[in-house]
């Protein structure tokens, strides 16, 4: 053995030996383990629907904020029944 404790007599670095390798697919394997294709598909569709709703909500908030700014500047006229919380 050499003077460095991490190197064996063949020159191999022992600190690399017991490193746990995790594939990029491990999280998917753990998530979908034991599910049928139909269950996986339903889960993915639900996730996509939640993401779409979040994006839609963000867009609505942006449009609302833009209307509030324009209304405060006198550049936007409220439609009948429309209210902007100030």
PDB file of N, CA and C in Angstrom:
ATOM      1  N   UNK A   1       0.840  -1.169   0.000  1.00  0.00           N
ATOM      2  CA  UNK A   1       0.000   0.000   0.000  1.00  0.00           C
ATOM      3  C   UNK A   1       0.886   1.233   0.000  1.00  0.00           C
ATOM      4  N   UNK A   2       0.511   2.251  -0.731  1.00  0.00           N
ATOM      5  CA  UNK A   2       1.313   3.474  -0.792  1.00  0.00           C
ATOM      6  C   UNK A   2       1.040   4.326   0.443  1.00  0.00           C
ATOM      7  N   UNK A   3       1.741   5.464   0.506  1.00  0.00           N
ATOM      8  CA  UNK A   3       1.592   6.338   1.662  1.00  0.00           C
ATOM      9  C   UNK A   3       0.215   6.997   1.714  1.00  0.00           C
ATOM     10  N   UNK A   4      -0.452   7.130   0.563  1.00  0.00           N
ATOM     11  CA  UNK A   4      -1.803   7.700   0.527  1.00  0.00           C
ATOM     12  C   UNK A   4      -2.797   6.599   0.886  1.00  0.00           C
ATOM     13  N   UNK A   5      -3.655   6.832   1.877  1.00  0.00           N
ATOM     14  CA  UNK A   5      -4.584   5.816   2.359  1.00  0.00           C
ATOM     15  C   UNK A   5      -5.690   5.506   1.364  1.00  0.00           C
ATOM     16  N   UNK A   6      -5.931   6.363   0.391  1.00  0.00           N
ATOM     17  CA  UNK A   6      -7.002   6.145  -0.572  1.00  0.00           C
ATOM     18  C   UNK A   6      -6.553   5.377  -1.809  1.00  0.00           C
ATOM     19  N   UNK A   7      -5.282   5.015  -1.893  1.00  0.00           N
ATOM     20  CA  UNK A   7      -4.757   4.303  -3.054  1.00  0.00           C
ATOM     21  C   UNK A   7      -4.280   2.917  -2.608  1.00  0.00           C
ATOM     22  N   UNK A   8      -4.737   1.877  -3.325  1.00  0.00           N
ATOM     23  CA  UNK A   8      -4.278   0.530  -2.979  1.00  0.00           C
ATOM     24  C   UNK A   8      -2.995   0.203  -3.744  1.00  0.00           C
ATOM     25  N   UNK A   9      -2.483  -1.037  -3.585  1.00  0.00           N
ATOM     26  CA  UNK A   9      -1.195  -1.407  -4.193  1.00  0.00           C
ATOM     27  C   UNK A   9      -1.245  -1.438  -5.720  1.00  0.00           C
ATOM     28  N   UNK A  10      -2.452  -1.422  -6.306  1.00  0.00           N
ATOM     29  CA  UNK A  10      -2.575  -1.424  -7.766  1.00  0.00           C
ATOM     30  C   UNK A  10      -2.817  -0.030  -8.333  1.00  0.00           C
ATOM     31  N   UNK A  11      -2.818   0.984  -7.461  1.00  0.00           N
ATOM     32  CA  UNK A  11      -2.999   2.361  -7.902  1.00  0.00           C
ATOM     33  C   UNK A  11      -4.451   2.786  -8.033  1.00  0.00           C
ATOM     34  N   UNK A  12      -5.367   1.989  -7.512  1.00  0.00           N
ATOM     35  CA  UNK A  12      -6.795   2.332  -7.603  1.00  0.00           C
ATOM     36  C   UNK A  12      -7.182   3.242  -6.440  1.00  0.00           C
ATOM     37  N   UNK A  13      -7.980   4.237  -6.741  1.00  0.00           N
ATOM     38  CA  UNK A  13      -8.456   5.168  -5.720  1.00  0.00           C
ATOM     39  C   UNK A  13      -9.631   4.528  -4.993  1.00  0.00           C
ATOM     40  N   UNK A  14      -9.445   4.173  -3.745  1.00  0.00           N
ATOM     41  CA  UNK A  14     -10.460   3.476  -2.966  1.00  0.00           C
ATOM     42  C   UNK A  14     -11.615   4.387  -2.547  1.00  0.00           C
ATOM     43  N   UNK A  15     -11.427   5.705  -2.571  1.00  0.00           N
ATOM     44  CA  UNK A  15     -12.506   6.611  -2.190  1.00  0.00           C
ATOM     45  C   UNK A  15     -13.628   6.592  -3.227  1.00  0.00           C
ATOM     46  N   UNK A  16     -13.324   6.136  -4.441  1.00  0.00           N
ATOM     47  CA  UNK A  16     -14.339   6.071  -5.490  1.00  0.00           C
ATOM     48  C   UNK A  16     -15.092   4.745  -5.492  1.00  0.00           C
ATOM     49  N   UNK A  17     -14.582   3.793  -4.779  1.00  0.00           N
ATOM     50  CA  UNK A  17     -15.095   2.432  -4.845  1.00  0.00           C
ATOM     51  C   UNK A  17     -16.520   2.274  -4.326  1.00  0.00           C
ATOM     52  N   UNK A  18     -16.853   2.895  -3.227  1.00  0.00           N
ATOM     53  CA  UNK A  18     -18.147   2.662  -2.585  1.00  0.00           C
ATOM     54  C   UNK A  18     -19.122   3.806  -2.822  1.00  0.00           C
ATOM     55  N   UNK A  19     -18.901   4.531  -3.844  1.00  0.00           N
ATOM     56  CA  UNK A  19     -19.795   5.630  -4.178  1.00  0.00           C
ATOM     57  C   UNK A  19     -21.095   5.061  -4.756  1.00  0.00           C
ATOM     58  N   UNK A  20     -22.201   5.535  -4.238  1.00  0.00           N
ATOM     59  CA  UNK A  20     -23.493   5.041  -4.723  1.00  0.00           C
ATOM     60  C   UNK A  20     -23.866   5.792  -5.999  1.00  0.00           C
ATOM     61  N   UNK A  21     -24.168   5.034  -7.021  1.00  0.00           N
ATOM     62  CA  UNK A  21     -24.557   5.606  -8.310  1.00  0.00           C
ATOM     63  C   UNK A  21     -26.069   5.602  -8.408  1.00  0.00           C
ATOM     64  N   UNK A  22     -26.632   6.728  -8.790  1.00  0.00           N
ATOM     65  CA  UNK A  22     -28.083   6.815  -8.935  1.00  0.00           C
ATOM     66  C   UNK A  22     -28.386   7.286 -10.352  1.00  0.00           C
ATOM     67  N   UNK A  23     -29.087   6.462 -11.063  1.00  0.00           N
ATOM     68  CA  UNK A  23     -29.453   6.758 -12.438  1.00  0.00           C
ATOM     69  C   UNK A  23     -30.487   7.869 -12.475  1.00  0.00           C
ATOM     70  N   UNK A  24     -30.564   8.566 -13.597  1.00  0.00           N
ATOM     71  CA  UNK A  24     -31.572   9.610 -13.744  1.00  0.00           C
ATOM     72  C   UNK A  24     -32.977   9.029 -13.805  1.00  0.00           C
ATOM     73  N   UNK A  25     -33.060   7.735 -14.044  1.00  0.00           N
ATOM     74  CA  UNK A  25     -34.362   7.086 -14.141  1.00  0.00           C
ATOM     75  C   UNK A  25     -34.821   6.476 -12.815  1.00  0.00           C
ATOM     76  N   UNK A  26     -33.975   6.483 -11.805  1.00  0.00           N
ATOM     77  CA  UNK A  26     -34.326   5.867 -10.526  1.00  0.00           C
ATOM     78  C   UNK A  26     -35.562   6.501  -9.897  1.00  0.00           C
ATOM     79  N   UNK A  27     -35.675   7.815  -9.978  1.00  0.00           N
ATOM     80  CA  UNK A  27     -36.840   8.470  -9.377  1.00  0.00           C
ATOM     81  C   UNK A  27     -38.122   8.046 -10.083  1.00  0.00           C
ATOM     82  N   UNK A  28     -38.067   7.876 -11.401  1.00  0.00           N
ATOM     83  CA  UNK A  28     -39.237   7.416 -12.134  1.00  0.00           C
ATOM     84  C   UNK A  28     -39.554   5.958 -11.795  1.00  0.00           C
ATOM     85  N   UNK A  29     -38.528   5.153 -11.682  1.00  0.00           N
ATOM     86  CA  UNK A  29     -38.741   3.749 -11.327  1.00  0.00           C
ATOM     87  C   UNK A  29     -39.391   3.634  -9.954  1.00  0.00           C
ATOM     88  N   UNK A  30     -38.919   4.443  -9.000  1.00  0.00           N
ATOM     89  CA  UNK A  30     -39.491   4.407  -7.657  1.00  0.00           C
ATOM     90  C   UNK A  30     -40.933   4.911  -7.666  1.00  0.00           C
ATOM     91  N   UNK A  31     -41.195   5.946  -8.463  1.00  0.00           N
ATOM     92  CA  UNK A  31     -42.525   6.544  -8.492  1.00  0.00           C
ATOM     93  C   UNK A  31     -43.564   5.611  -9.115  1.00  0.00           C
ATOM     94  N   UNK A  32     -43.189   4.943 -10.192  1.00  0.00           N
ATOM     95  CA  UNK A  32     -44.148   4.150 -10.950  1.00  0.00           C
ATOM     96  C   UNK A  32     -44.089   2.647 -10.651  1.00  0.00           C
ATOM     97  N   UNK A  33     -43.268   2.259  -9.717  1.00  0.00           N
ATOM     98  CA  UNK A  33     -43.102   0.839  -9.404  1.00  0.00           C
ATOM     99  C   UNK A  33     -44.430   0.224  -8.968  1.00  0.00           C
ATOM    100  N   UNK A  34     -44.771  -0.892  -9.569  1.00  0.00           N
ATOM    101  CA  UNK A  34     -45.974  -1.618  -9.214  1.00  0.00           C
ATOM    102  C   UNK A  34     -47.245  -1.106  -9.881  1.00  0.00           C
ATOM    103  N   UNK A  35     -47.126  -0.109 -10.760  1.00  0.00           N
ATOM    104  CA  UNK A  35     -48.302   0.451 -11.427  1.00  0.00           C
ATOM    105  C   UNK A  35     -48.455  -0.150 -12.819  1.00  0.00           C
ATOM    106  N   UNK A  36     -49.689  -0.189 -13.270  1.00  0.00           N
ATOM    107  CA  UNK A  36     -49.941  -0.611 -14.648  1.00  0.00           C
ATOM    108  C   UNK A  36     -49.725   0.595 -15.568  1.00  0.00           C
ATOM    109  N   UNK A  37     -49.677   0.322 -16.877  1.00  0.00           N
ATOM    110  CA  UNK A  37     -49.522   1.415 -17.848  1.00  0.00           C
ATOM    111  C   UNK A  37     -50.670   2.404 -17.742  1.00  0.00           C
ATOM    112  N   UNK A  38     -51.874   1.898 -17.499  1.00  0.00           N
ATOM    113  CA  UNK A  38     -53.039   2.778 -17.377  1.00  0.00           C
ATOM    114  C   UNK A  38     -52.895   3.699 -16.167  1.00  0.00           C
ATOM    115  N   UNK A  39     -52.449   3.155 -15.041  1.00  0.00           N
ATOM    116  CA  UNK A  39     -52.270   3.974 -13.839  1.00  0.00           C
ATOM    117  C   UNK A  39     -51.192   5.032 -14.043  1.00  0.00           C
ATOM    118  N   UNK A  40     -50.112   4.645 -14.695  1.00  0.00           N
ATOM    119  CA  UNK A  40     -49.034   5.599 -14.987  1.00  0.00           C
ATOM    120  C   UNK A  40     -49.564   6.706 -15.881  1.00  0.00           C
ATOM    121  N   UNK A  41     -50.327   6.332 -16.910  1.00  0.00           N
ATOM    122  CA  UNK A  41     -50.877   7.312 -17.835  1.00  0.00           C
ATOM    123  C   UNK A  41     -51.817   8.278 -17.109  1.00  0.00           C
ATOM    124  N   UNK A  42     -52.686   7.772 -16.235  1.00  0.00           N
ATOM    125  CA  UNK A  42     -53.596   8.633 -15.481  1.00  0.00           C
ATOM    126  C   UNK A  42     -52.823   9.604 -14.599  1.00  0.00           C
ATOM    127  N   UNK A  43     -51.782   9.101 -13.943  1.00  0.00           N
ATOM    128  CA  UNK A  43     -50.973   9.940 -13.071  1.00  0.00           C
ATOM    129  C   UNK A  43     -50.295  11.056 -13.856  1.00  0.00           C
ATOM    130  N   UNK A  44     -49.733  10.709 -15.007  1.00  0.00           N
ATOM    131  CA  UNK A  44     -49.060  11.706 -15.841  1.00  0.00           C
ATOM    132  C   UNK A  44     -50.063  12.739 -16.367  1.00  0.00           C
ATOM    133  N   UNK A  45     -51.249  12.274 -16.782  1.00  0.00           N
ATOM    134  CA  UNK A  45     -52.273  13.205 -17.260  1.00  0.00           C
ATOM    135  C   UNK A  45     -52.721  14.149 -16.147  1.00  0.00           C
ATOM    136  N   UNK A  46     -52.854  13.633 -14.935  1.00  0.00           N
ATOM    137  CA  UNK A  46     -53.216  14.491 -13.798  1.00  0.00           C
ATOM    138  C   UNK A  46     -52.142  15.545 -13.542  1.00  0.00           C
ATOM    139  N   UNK A  47     -50.877  15.137 -13.603  1.00  0.00           N
ATOM    140  CA  UNK A  47     -49.774  16.077 -13.410  1.00  0.00           C
ATOM    141  C   UNK A  47     -49.779  17.158 -14.486  1.00  0.00           C
ATOM    142  N   UNK A  48     -50.023  16.752 -15.734  1.00  0.00           N
ATOM    143  CA  UNK A  48     -50.064  17.715 -16.834  1.00  0.00           C
ATOM    144  C   UNK A  48     -51.229  18.687 -16.666  1.00  0.00           C
ATOM    145  N   UNK A  49     -52.365  18.190 -16.211  1.00  0.00           N
ATOM    146  CA  UNK A  49     -53.540  19.049 -15.992  1.00  0.00           C
ATOM    147  C   UNK A  49     -53.265  20.066 -14.887  1.00  0.00           C
ATOM    148  N   UNK A  50     -52.626  19.629 -13.798  1.00  0.00           N
ATOM    149  CA  UNK A  50     -52.272  20.552 -12.711  1.00  0.00           C
ATOM    150  C   UNK A  50     -51.320  21.632 -13.219  1.00  0.00           C
ATOM    151  N   UNK A  51     -50.342  21.225 -14.023  1.00  0.00           N
ATOM    152  CA  UNK A  51     -49.382  22.182 -14.566  1.00  0.00           C
ATOM    153  C   UNK A  51     -50.082  23.189 -15.478  1.00  0.00           C
ATOM    154  N   UNK A  52     -51.006  22.701 -16.324  1.00  0.00           N
ATOM    155  CA  UNK A  52     -51.759  23.595 -17.215  1.00  0.00           C
ATOM    156  C   UNK A  52     -52.575  24.613 -16.418  1.00  0.00           C
ATOM    157  N   UNK A  53     -53.201  24.160 -15.333  1.00  0.00           N
ATOM    158  CA  UNK A  53     -54.005  25.054 -14.506  1.00  0.00           C
ATOM    159  C   UNK A  53     -53.131  26.108 -13.831  1.00  0.00           C
ATOM    160  N   UNK A  54     -51.933  25.710 -13.392  1.00  0.00           N
ATOM    161  CA  UNK A  54     -51.032  26.671 -12.770  1.00  0.00           C
ATOM    162  C   UNK A  54     -50.599  27.735 -13.773  1.00  0.00           C
ATOM    163  N   UNK A  55     -50.270  27.303 -14.987  1.00  0.00           N
ATOM    164  CA  UNK A  55     -49.853  28.249 -16.028  1.00  0.00           C
ATOM    165  C   UNK A  55     -51.008  29.181 -16.375  1.00  0.00           C
ATOM    166  N   UNK A  56     -52.207  28.622 -16.484  1.00  0.00           N
ATOM    167  CA  UNK A  56     -53.387  29.427 -16.791  1.00  0.00           C
ATOM    168  C   UNK A  56     -53.639  30.457 -15.700  1.00  0.00           C
ATOM    169  N   UNK A  57     -53.494  30.049 -14.459  1.00  0.00           N
ATOM    170  CA  UNK A  57     -53.697  30.977 -13.331  1.00  0.00           C
ATOM    171  C   UNK A  57     -52.669  32.101 -13.358  1.00  0.00           C
ATOM    172  N   UNK A  58     -51.426  31.761 -13.644  1.00  0.00           N
ATOM    173  CA  UNK A  58     -50.368  32.781 -13.720  1.00  0.00           C
ATOM    174  C   UNK A  58     -50.687  33.782 -14.822  1.00  0.00           C
ATOM    175  N   UNK A  59     -51.151  33.298 -15.971  1.00  0.00           N
ATOM    176  CA  UNK A  59     -51.500  34.183 -17.080  1.00  0.00           C
ATOM    177  C   UNK A  59     -52.674  35.089 -16.723  1.00  0.00           C
ATOM    178  N   UNK A  60     -53.671  34.548 -16.011  1.00  0.00           N
ATOM    179  CA  UNK A  60     -54.806  35.363 -15.595  1.00  0.00           C
ATOM    180  C   UNK A  60     -54.395  36.445 -14.604  1.00  0.00           C
ATOM    181  N   UNK A  61     -53.517  36.102 -13.685  1.00  0.00           N
ATOM    182  CA  UNK A  61     -53.030  37.082 -12.709  1.00  0.00           C
ATOM    183  C   UNK A  61     -52.263  38.196 -13.422  1.00  0.00           C
ATOM    184  N   UNK A  62     -51.437  37.830 -14.409  1.00  0.00           N
ATOM    185  CA  UNK A  62     -50.694  38.838 -15.170  1.00  0.00           C
ATOM    186  C   UNK A  62     -51.642  39.766 -15.916  1.00  0.00           C
ATOM    187  N   UNK A  63     -52.673  39.196 -16.553  1.00  0.00           N
ATOM    188  CA  UNK A  63     -53.639  40.009 -17.287  1.00  0.00           C
ATOM    189  C   UNK A  63     -54.395  40.932 -16.333  1.00  0.00           C
ATOM    190  N   UNK A  64     -54.771  40.415 -15.164  1.00  0.00           N
ATOM    191  CA  UNK A  64     -55.475  41.223 -14.164  1.00  0.00           C
ATOM    192  C   UNK A  64     -54.603  42.377 -13.692  1.00  0.00           C
ATOM    193  N   UNK A  65     -53.346  42.104 -13.400  1.00  0.00           N
ATOM    194  CA  UNK A  65     -52.424  43.148 -12.948  1.00  0.00           C
ATOM    195  C   UNK A  65     -52.222  44.214 -14.023  1.00  0.00           C
ATOM    196  N   UNK A  66     -52.134  43.783 -15.271  1.00  0.00           N
ATOM    197  CA  UNK A  66     -51.968  44.724 -16.378  1.00  0.00           C
ATOM    198  C   UNK A  66     -53.196  45.627 -16.508  1.00  0.00           C
ATOM    199  N   UNK A  67     -54.391  45.040 -16.369  1.00  0.00           N
ATOM    200  CA  UNK A  67     -55.623  45.834 -16.429  1.00  0.00           C
ATOM    201  C   UNK A  67     -55.695  46.832 -15.289  1.00  0.00           C
ATOM    202  N   UNK A  68     -55.251  46.411 -14.090  1.00  0.00           N
ATOM    203  CA  UNK A  68     -55.252  47.330 -12.950  1.00  0.00           C
ATOM    204  C   UNK A  68     -54.343  48.526 -13.214  1.00  0.00           C
ATOM    205  N   UNK A  69     -53.168  48.269 -13.764  1.00  0.00           N
ATOM    206  CA  UNK A  69     -52.235  49.359 -14.066  1.00  0.00           C
ATOM    207  C   UNK A  69     -52.837  50.307 -15.092  1.00  0.00           C
ATOM    208  N   UNK A  70     -53.401  49.732 -16.148  1.00  0.00           N
ATOM    209  CA  UNK A  70     -53.998  50.566 -17.191  1.00  0.00           C
ATOM    210  C   UNK A  70     -55.196  51.354 -16.652  1.00  0.00           C
ATOM    211  N   UNK A  71     -55.999  50.733 -15.793  1.00  0.00           N
ATOM    212  CA  UNK A  71     -57.162  51.411 -15.214  1.00  0.00           C
ATOM    213  C   UNK A  71     -56.722  52.594 -14.348  1.00  0.00           C
ATOM    214  N   UNK A  72     -55.663  52.391 -13.570  1.00  0.00           N
ATOM    215  CA  UNK A  72     -55.162  53.465 -12.709  1.00  0.00           C
ATOM    216  C   UNK A  72     -54.617  54.631 -13.526  1.00  0.00           C
ATOM    217  N   UNK A  73     -54.129  54.330 -14.727  1.00  0.00           N
ATOM    218  CA  UNK A  73     -53.615  55.379 -15.611  1.00  0.00           C
ATOM    219  C   UNK A  73     -54.727  55.994 -16.465  1.00  0.00           C
ATOM    220  N   UNK A  74     -55.927  55.441 -16.373  1.00  0.00           N
ATOM    221  CA  UNK A  74     -57.044  55.938 -17.153  1.00  0.00           C
ATOM    222  C   UNK A  74     -57.060  55.420 -18.579  1.00  0.00           C
ATOM    223  N   UNK A  75     -56.325  54.353 -18.845  1.00  0.00           N
ATOM    224  CA  UNK A  75     -56.229  53.800 -20.199  1.00  0.00           C
ATOM    225  C   UNK A  75     -57.081  52.545 -20.396  1.00  0.00           C
ATOM    226  N   UNK A  76     -57.810  52.154 -19.354  1.00  0.00           N
ATOM    227  CA  UNK A  76     -58.646  50.962 -19.453  1.00  0.00           C
ATOM    228  C   UNK A  76     -60.017  51.283 -18.900  1.00  0.00           C
ATOM    229  N   UNK A  77     -61.041  50.884 -19.629  1.00  0.00           N
ATOM    230  CA  UNK A  77     -62.413  51.127 -19.207  1.00  0.00           C
ATOM    231  C   UNK A  77     -63.033  49.804 -18.781  1.00  0.00           C
ATOM    232  N   UNK A  78     -63.596  49.806 -17.575  1.00  0.00           N
ATOM    233  CA  UNK A  78     -64.207  48.587 -17.061  1.00  0.00           C
ATOM    234  C   UNK A  78     -65.461  48.249 -17.849  1.00  0.00           C
ATOM    235  N   UNK A  79     -65.639  46.951 -18.121  1.00  0.00           N
ATOM    236  CA  UNK A  79     -66.854  46.493 -18.770  1.00  0.00           C
ATOM    237  C   UNK A  79     -67.943  46.373 -17.712  1.00  0.00           C
ATOM    238  N   UNK A  80     -69.183  46.263 -18.153  1.00  0.00           N
ATOM    239  CA  UNK A  80     -70.308  46.169 -17.236  1.00  0.00           C
ATOM    240  C   UNK A  80     -70.148  44.938 -16.343  1.00  0.00           C
ATOM    241  N   UNK A  81     -70.189  45.158 -15.031  1.00  0.00           N
ATOM    242  CA  UNK A  81     -70.071  44.069 -14.066  1.00  0.00           C
ATOM    243  C   UNK A  81     -68.639  43.704 -13.717  1.00  0.00           C
ATOM    244  N   UNK A  82     -67.662  44.281 -14.411  1.00  0.00           N
ATOM    245  CA  UNK A  82     -66.257  43.963 -14.153  1.00  0.00           C
ATOM    246  C   UNK A  82     -65.768  44.747 -12.952  1.00  0.00           C
ATOM    247  N   UNK A  83     -65.050  44.091 -12.079  1.00  0.00           N
ATOM    248  CA  UNK A  83     -64.474  44.734 -10.903  1.00  0.00           C
ATOM    249  C   UNK A  83     -63.002  44.411 -10.802  1.00  0.00           C
ATOM    250  N   UNK A  84     -62.230  45.382 -10.435  1.00  0.00           N
ATOM    251  CA  UNK A  84     -60.799  45.177 -10.198  1.00  0.00           C
ATOM    252  C   UNK A  84     -60.549  45.463  -8.730  1.00  0.00           C
ATOM    253  N   UNK A  85     -60.075  44.477  -8.002  1.00  0.00           N
ATOM    254  CA  UNK A  85     -59.775  44.719  -6.590  1.00  0.00           C
ATOM    255  C   UNK A  85     -58.518  45.570  -6.511  1.00  0.00           C
ATOM    256  N   UNK A  86     -58.602  46.609  -5.738  1.00  0.00           N
ATOM    257  CA  UNK A  86     -57.482  47.554  -5.655  1.00  0.00           C
ATOM    258  C   UNK A  86     -56.774  47.423  -4.350  1.00  0.00           C
TER     259      UNK A  86
END
